[in-house]
């Protein structure tokens, strides 16, 4: 069980910075809970949107897709028609180089990983060893097992 706002331990010295909002299971009905979007903090979402070139509206839709919401639910939440949501998704797919909603999710996670692993990134590194310059993955040769 994770504590809201407390990083999630991924392995020896590796943590994932998370938002302060707890992720909830989806109910499948109105008011469906947040799933994937709650895993990222607001600064992380801002950096991912900037890096991917997403507008504010596209970011709202991407976050809803990560929450596994259908177009009708997204439209209701954002006060627009399902046609408009679909048009936004259709425009986002080529921008991200994807063809599906699953591809959109992977593009977001891939960009997050790039931002976290970048030496000069705006997001903190996942691994405290990397932050201290002691990451075994940065050393030449075979990767040691922790």
C-alpha atoms as a PDB file:
ATOM      1  CA  UNK A   1       0.000   0.000   0.000  1.00  0.00           C
ATOM      2  CA  UNK A   2       1.334   3.433  -0.894  1.00  0.00           C
ATOM      3  CA  UNK A   3       0.984   6.667   0.984  1.00  0.00           C
ATOM      4  CA  UNK A   4      -0.253   9.600  -1.121  1.00  0.00           C
ATOM      5  CA  UNK A   5       2.646  11.888  -2.001  1.00  0.00           C
ATOM      6  CA  UNK A   6       5.268   9.369  -0.833  1.00  0.00           C
ATOM      7  CA  UNK A   7       7.512   7.940  -3.588  1.00  0.00           C
ATOM      8  CA  UNK A   8       6.927   4.317  -4.557  1.00  0.00           C
ATOM      9  CA  UNK A   9       9.905   1.980  -4.064  1.00  0.00           C
ATOM     10  CA  UNK A  10      10.689   0.251  -7.386  1.00  0.00           C
ATOM     11  CA  UNK A  11      13.841  -1.607  -6.429  1.00  0.00           C
ATOM     12  CA  UNK A  12      17.110  -1.132  -4.610  1.00  0.00           C
ATOM     13  CA  UNK A  13      17.394   2.645  -4.319  1.00  0.00           C
ATOM     14  CA  UNK A  14      14.901   3.305  -7.142  1.00  0.00           C
ATOM     15  CA  UNK A  15      11.704   5.229  -6.493  1.00  0.00           C
ATOM     16  CA  UNK A  16       8.897   6.709  -8.584  1.00  0.00           C
ATOM     17  CA  UNK A  17       7.826  10.261  -7.682  1.00  0.00           C
ATOM     18  CA  UNK A  18       4.047  10.250  -7.402  1.00  0.00           C
ATOM     19  CA  UNK A  19       1.337  12.807  -6.899  1.00  0.00           C
ATOM     20  CA  UNK A  20      -0.348  13.420  -3.570  1.00  0.00           C
ATOM     21  CA  UNK A  21      -3.672  12.097  -4.894  1.00  0.00           C
ATOM     22  CA  UNK A  22      -4.390   8.426  -4.256  1.00  0.00           C
ATOM     23  CA  UNK A  23      -5.163   6.313  -7.309  1.00  0.00           C
ATOM     24  CA  UNK A  24      -8.575   4.673  -7.102  1.00  0.00           C
ATOM     25  CA  UNK A  25      -9.995   1.683  -8.882  1.00  0.00           C
ATOM     26  CA  UNK A  26     -12.412   2.449 -11.676  1.00  0.00           C
ATOM     27  CA  UNK A  27     -16.056   1.855 -10.909  1.00  0.00           C
ATOM     28  CA  UNK A  28     -17.042   1.716 -14.563  1.00  0.00           C
ATOM     29  CA  UNK A  29     -19.828   4.239 -14.041  1.00  0.00           C
ATOM     30  CA  UNK A  30     -20.183   7.955 -13.533  1.00  0.00           C
ATOM     31  CA  UNK A  31     -17.444   9.419 -11.384  1.00  0.00           C
ATOM     32  CA  UNK A  32     -15.015   6.717 -12.469  1.00  0.00           C
ATOM     33  CA  UNK A  33     -11.858   6.915 -10.328  1.00  0.00           C
ATOM     34  CA  UNK A  34      -8.454   8.128 -11.419  1.00  0.00           C
ATOM     35  CA  UNK A  35      -6.117   5.362 -12.445  1.00  0.00           C
ATOM     36  CA  UNK A  36      -2.978   6.279 -14.366  1.00  0.00           C
ATOM     37  CA  UNK A  37      -3.053  10.054 -14.207  1.00  0.00           C
ATOM     38  CA  UNK A  38      -2.833  10.055 -10.399  1.00  0.00           C
ATOM     39  CA  UNK A  39       0.599   8.443 -10.606  1.00  0.00           C
ATOM     40  CA  UNK A  40       2.180  11.660 -11.890  1.00  0.00           C
ATOM     41  CA  UNK A  41       2.557  14.900  -9.990  1.00  0.00           C
ATOM     42  CA  UNK A  42       1.409  18.169 -11.561  1.00  0.00           C
ATOM     43  CA  UNK A  43       5.014  19.241 -12.314  1.00  0.00           C
ATOM     44  CA  UNK A  44       5.600  15.884 -14.025  1.00  0.00           C
ATOM     45  CA  UNK A  45       2.448  16.331 -16.134  1.00  0.00           C
ATOM     46  CA  UNK A  46       3.545  19.855 -17.063  1.00  0.00           C
ATOM     47  CA  UNK A  47       6.959  18.611 -18.203  1.00  0.00           C
ATOM     48  CA  UNK A  48       5.497  15.674 -20.167  1.00  0.00           C
ATOM     49  CA  UNK A  49       3.008  17.992 -21.922  1.00  0.00           C
ATOM     50  CA  UNK A  50       5.765  20.481 -22.765  1.00  0.00           C
ATOM     51  CA  UNK A  51       8.082  17.760 -24.081  1.00  0.00           C
ATOM     52  CA  UNK A  52       5.337  16.168 -26.206  1.00  0.00           C
ATOM     53  CA  UNK A  53       3.994  19.512 -27.428  1.00  0.00           C
ATOM     54  CA  UNK A  54       0.501  18.931 -26.035  1.00  0.00           C
ATOM     55  CA  UNK A  55      -1.938  21.808 -25.631  1.00  0.00           C
ATOM     56  CA  UNK A  56      -3.787  22.247 -22.342  1.00  0.00           C
ATOM     57  CA  UNK A  57      -6.878  20.554 -23.807  1.00  0.00           C
ATOM     58  CA  UNK A  58      -4.846  17.699 -25.287  1.00  0.00           C
ATOM     59  CA  UNK A  59      -3.227  17.201 -21.893  1.00  0.00           C
ATOM     60  CA  UNK A  60      -6.661  16.960 -20.234  1.00  0.00           C
ATOM     61  CA  UNK A  61      -7.673  14.330 -22.780  1.00  0.00           C
ATOM     62  CA  UNK A  62      -4.389  12.406 -22.423  1.00  0.00           C
ATOM     63  CA  UNK A  63      -4.847  12.312 -18.652  1.00  0.00           C
ATOM     64  CA  UNK A  64      -8.394  11.002 -19.097  1.00  0.00           C
ATOM     65  CA  UNK A  65      -7.113   8.303 -21.467  1.00  0.00           C
ATOM     66  CA  UNK A  66      -4.591   7.254 -18.820  1.00  0.00           C
ATOM     67  CA  UNK A  67      -7.553   6.996 -16.447  1.00  0.00           C
ATOM     68  CA  UNK A  68      -9.126   4.571 -18.966  1.00  0.00           C
ATOM     69  CA  UNK A  69     -12.105   6.823 -19.630  1.00  0.00           C
ATOM     70  CA  UNK A  70     -14.145   6.356 -22.781  1.00  0.00           C
ATOM     71  CA  UNK A  71     -14.786   9.277 -25.135  1.00  0.00           C
ATOM     72  CA  UNK A  72     -18.298   9.861 -23.782  1.00  0.00           C
ATOM     73  CA  UNK A  73     -16.973  10.149 -20.197  1.00  0.00           C
ATOM     74  CA  UNK A  74     -14.163  12.463 -21.310  1.00  0.00           C
ATOM     75  CA  UNK A  75     -16.653  14.615 -23.209  1.00  0.00           C
ATOM     76  CA  UNK A  76     -18.940  14.848 -20.176  1.00  0.00           C
ATOM     77  CA  UNK A  77     -16.068  15.742 -17.848  1.00  0.00           C
ATOM     78  CA  UNK A  78     -14.699  18.432 -20.167  1.00  0.00           C
ATOM     79  CA  UNK A  79     -18.031  19.841 -21.383  1.00  0.00           C
ATOM     80  CA  UNK A  80     -17.594  19.000 -25.061  1.00  0.00           C
ATOM     81  CA  UNK A  81     -19.062  16.606 -27.585  1.00  0.00           C
ATOM     82  CA  UNK A  82     -17.714  13.106 -28.143  1.00  0.00           C
ATOM     83  CA  UNK A  83     -16.979  14.197 -31.722  1.00  0.00           C
ATOM     84  CA  UNK A  84     -14.662  16.930 -30.383  1.00  0.00           C
ATOM     85  CA  UNK A  85     -12.876  14.466 -28.085  1.00  0.00           C
ATOM     86  CA  UNK A  86     -12.454  12.093 -31.027  1.00  0.00           C
ATOM     87  CA  UNK A  87     -11.104  14.949 -33.184  1.00  0.00           C
ATOM     88  CA  UNK A  88      -8.567  15.845 -30.487  1.00  0.00           C
ATOM     89  CA  UNK A  89      -7.445  12.224 -30.235  1.00  0.00           C
ATOM     90  CA  UNK A  90      -7.202  11.980 -34.028  1.00  0.00           C
ATOM     91  CA  UNK A  91      -4.956  15.051 -33.981  1.00  0.00           C
ATOM     92  CA  UNK A  92      -2.839  13.814 -31.079  1.00  0.00           C
ATOM     93  CA  UNK A  93      -2.039  10.390 -32.534  1.00  0.00           C
ATOM     94  CA  UNK A  94       0.158  11.618 -35.424  1.00  0.00           C
ATOM     95  CA  UNK A  95       1.734  14.259 -33.171  1.00  0.00           C
ATOM     96  CA  UNK A  96       2.837  11.454 -30.832  1.00  0.00           C
ATOM     97  CA  UNK A  97       3.600   8.980 -33.613  1.00  0.00           C
ATOM     98  CA  UNK A  98       0.962   6.504 -32.414  1.00  0.00           C
ATOM     99  CA  UNK A  99      -2.221   4.954 -33.799  1.00  0.00           C
ATOM    100  CA  UNK A 100      -4.148   3.906 -30.698  1.00  0.00           C
ATOM    101  CA  UNK A 101      -5.070   4.971 -27.180  1.00  0.00           C
ATOM    102  CA  UNK A 102      -2.635   2.350 -25.867  1.00  0.00           C
ATOM    103  CA  UNK A 103       0.051   3.962 -28.000  1.00  0.00           C
ATOM    104  CA  UNK A 104      -0.810   7.329 -26.462  1.00  0.00           C
ATOM    105  CA  UNK A 105      -0.368   5.869 -22.974  1.00  0.00           C
ATOM    106  CA  UNK A 106       3.002   4.385 -23.951  1.00  0.00           C
ATOM    107  CA  UNK A 107       4.120   7.707 -25.477  1.00  0.00           C
ATOM    108  CA  UNK A 108       3.362   9.469 -22.187  1.00  0.00           C
ATOM    109  CA  UNK A 109       5.219   6.864 -20.089  1.00  0.00           C
ATOM    110  CA  UNK A 110       8.166   6.808 -22.523  1.00  0.00           C
ATOM    111  CA  UNK A 111       8.463  10.587 -22.372  1.00  0.00           C
ATOM    112  CA  UNK A 112       8.273  10.494 -18.578  1.00  0.00           C
ATOM    113  CA  UNK A 113      11.121   7.969 -18.529  1.00  0.00           C
ATOM    114  CA  UNK A 114      13.217  10.167 -20.843  1.00  0.00           C
ATOM    115  CA  UNK A 115      12.618  13.210 -18.652  1.00  0.00           C
ATOM    116  CA  UNK A 116      13.531  11.344 -15.480  1.00  0.00           C
ATOM    117  CA  UNK A 117      16.658   9.763 -16.971  1.00  0.00           C
ATOM    118  CA  UNK A 118      17.922  12.961 -18.614  1.00  0.00           C
ATOM    119  CA  UNK A 119      21.016  14.318 -16.870  1.00  0.00           C
ATOM    120  CA  UNK A 120      19.694  17.874 -17.129  1.00  0.00           C
ATOM    121  CA  UNK A 121      16.021  16.968 -16.781  1.00  0.00           C
ATOM    122  CA  UNK A 122      13.503  19.036 -14.882  1.00  0.00           C
ATOM    123  CA  UNK A 123      12.250  15.938 -13.076  1.00  0.00           C
ATOM    124  CA  UNK A 124      14.153  14.242 -10.250  1.00  0.00           C
ATOM    125  CA  UNK A 125      15.881  10.964 -11.117  1.00  0.00           C
ATOM    126  CA  UNK A 126      14.177   7.708 -10.217  1.00  0.00           C
ATOM    127  CA  UNK A 127      17.232   6.316  -8.548  1.00  0.00           C
ATOM    128  CA  UNK A 128      19.043   7.854  -5.601  1.00  0.00           C
ATOM    129  CA  UNK A 129      22.207   6.136  -6.839  1.00  0.00           C
ATOM    130  CA  UNK A 130      21.905   7.901 -10.200  1.00  0.00           C
ATOM    131  CA  UNK A 131      21.403  11.227  -8.450  1.00  0.00           C
ATOM    132  CA  UNK A 132      24.604  10.607  -6.497  1.00  0.00           C
ATOM    133  CA  UNK A 133      26.524   9.474  -9.613  1.00  0.00           C
ATOM    134  CA  UNK A 134      26.718   5.859  -8.398  1.00  0.00           C
ATOM    135  CA  UNK A 135      24.170   4.189 -10.702  1.00  0.00           C
ATOM    136  CA  UNK A 136      25.393   0.747 -11.843  1.00  0.00           C
ATOM    137  CA  UNK A 137      23.533   1.231 -15.127  1.00  0.00           C
ATOM    138  CA  UNK A 138      25.840   4.139 -16.014  1.00  0.00           C
ATOM    139  CA  UNK A 139      28.999   2.020 -15.702  1.00  0.00           C
ATOM    140  CA  UNK A 140      30.558   0.353 -18.739  1.00  0.00           C
ATOM    141  CA  UNK A 141      30.456  -3.408 -18.898  1.00  0.00           C
ATOM    142  CA  UNK A 142      27.886  -5.897 -17.621  1.00  0.00           C
ATOM    143  CA  UNK A 143      25.142  -4.574 -15.403  1.00  0.00           C
ATOM    144  CA  UNK A 144      25.579  -5.841 -11.821  1.00  0.00           C
ATOM    145  CA  UNK A 145      22.551  -7.256 -10.079  1.00  0.00           C
ATOM    146  CA  UNK A 146      21.638  -5.496  -6.823  1.00  0.00           C
END
